[in-house]
């Protein structure tokens, strides 16, 4: 919702701490400005959620997100992810 609404401040609040730091470091900008420059796919709703303990994979129509459970709740550790045959997902936003 935050991404679709263009609310990059809120979108940054949804990122895991290391993912946020990595985005800022890669782009050499504060998180909201760096987030705005990402070419994330447009989505139209959740298709599937798979949870494995403190980790989750959320498949949206047009995107895949990876989440981890932190003390403050679920946070996005990777976004803009596309599957690759026999390889890890390729993600636009991800932590180190």
Protein backbone atom coordinates (compact mmCIF):
# COMPACT_ATOMS: atom_id res chain seq x y z
CA UNK A 1 0.00 0.00 0.00
CA UNK A 2 2.71 2.48 0.96
CA UNK A 3 4.60 1.90 -2.28
CA UNK A 4 1.48 2.16 -4.45
CA UNK A 5 0.51 5.38 -2.68
CA UNK A 6 3.98 6.84 -3.20
CA UNK A 7 4.51 7.03 0.58
CA UNK A 8 8.24 6.34 0.57
CA UNK A 9 8.67 7.36 4.22
CA UNK A 10 6.19 4.66 5.26
CA UNK A 11 7.73 2.17 2.82
CA UNK A 12 11.12 2.73 4.47
CA UNK A 13 9.58 2.06 7.89
CA UNK A 14 8.51 -1.36 6.59
CA UNK A 15 12.07 -2.33 5.65
CA UNK A 16 14.28 -4.41 7.93
CA UNK A 17 17.09 -2.32 9.45
CA UNK A 18 19.88 -3.94 7.40
CA UNK A 19 17.84 -3.67 4.19
CA UNK A 20 17.24 0.02 4.81
CA UNK A 21 20.95 0.63 5.52
CA UNK A 22 21.97 -1.28 2.39
CA UNK A 23 19.55 0.71 0.21
CA UNK A 24 20.85 4.01 1.59
CA UNK A 25 24.46 2.90 1.14
CA UNK A 26 23.94 1.61 -2.42
CA UNK A 27 22.11 4.74 -3.56
CA UNK A 28 24.05 7.22 -1.38
CA UNK A 29 20.74 8.89 -0.47
CA UNK A 30 18.36 8.88 2.48
CA UNK A 31 15.90 5.98 2.41
CA UNK A 32 12.79 7.78 1.09
CA UNK A 33 14.76 9.36 -1.78
CA UNK A 34 16.55 6.09 -2.53
CA UNK A 35 13.29 4.13 -2.39
CA UNK A 36 11.62 6.54 -4.79
CA UNK A 37 14.36 5.91 -7.36
CA UNK A 38 13.75 2.14 -7.40
CA UNK A 39 11.84 0.69 -10.34
CA UNK A 40 9.65 -1.65 -8.30
CA UNK A 41 6.91 -3.55 -10.13
CA UNK A 42 3.27 -2.53 -9.71
CA UNK A 43 1.27 -5.07 -7.76
CA UNK A 44 -2.40 -5.93 -7.54
CA UNK A 45 -2.81 -7.99 -4.42
CA UNK A 46 -1.43 -10.98 -2.57
CA UNK A 47 -1.43 -14.31 -4.39
CA UNK A 48 0.30 -16.52 -1.81
CA UNK A 49 2.04 -16.38 1.58
CA UNK A 50 4.45 -19.01 2.87
CA UNK A 51 5.76 -18.69 6.43
CA UNK A 52 8.62 -20.68 7.90
CA UNK A 53 9.07 -19.74 11.53
CA UNK A 54 10.40 -16.16 11.58
CA UNK A 55 10.74 -15.94 7.77
CA UNK A 56 8.06 -15.48 5.13
CA UNK A 57 7.72 -15.28 1.37
CA UNK A 58 4.87 -13.19 -0.02
CA UNK A 59 3.99 -13.58 -3.68
CA UNK A 60 2.07 -10.63 -5.05
CA UNK A 61 0.68 -10.19 -8.50
CA UNK A 62 3.83 -8.78 -10.11
CA UNK A 63 6.35 -9.02 -7.24
CA UNK A 64 7.76 -11.26 -4.53
CA UNK A 65 8.73 -10.05 -1.04
CA UNK A 66 10.79 -11.74 1.65
CA UNK A 67 10.01 -10.85 5.27
CA UNK A 68 11.49 -11.58 8.70
CA UNK A 69 9.86 -11.26 12.08
CA UNK A 70 11.54 -8.68 14.34
CA UNK A 71 10.59 -7.47 17.81
CA UNK A 72 8.67 -4.60 16.14
CA UNK A 73 6.83 -7.02 13.82
CA UNK A 74 7.25 -8.26 10.25
CA UNK A 75 9.74 -6.28 8.15
CA UNK A 76 10.65 -6.57 4.47
CA UNK A 77 14.18 -7.91 3.96
CA UNK A 78 13.94 -8.05 0.15
CA UNK A 79 11.55 -6.60 -2.43
CA UNK A 80 11.23 -6.39 -6.18
CA UNK A 81 12.27 -10.04 -6.39
CA UNK A 82 11.97 -12.21 -9.47
CA UNK A 83 12.64 -15.94 -9.57
CA UNK A 84 15.54 -17.37 -11.60
CA UNK A 85 15.69 -21.05 -12.56
CA UNK A 86 17.97 -23.02 -10.22
CA UNK A 87 19.29 -19.81 -8.62
CA UNK A 88 18.29 -17.47 -5.78
CA UNK A 89 15.75 -14.76 -6.49
CA UNK A 90 17.06 -11.54 -8.04
CA UNK A 91 15.91 -8.64 -5.82
CA UNK A 92 16.02 -4.89 -6.44
CA UNK A 93 16.01 -4.03 -2.72
CA UNK A 94 17.79 -6.32 -0.28
CA UNK A 95 20.02 -6.33 2.75
CA UNK A 96 23.64 -7.44 2.69
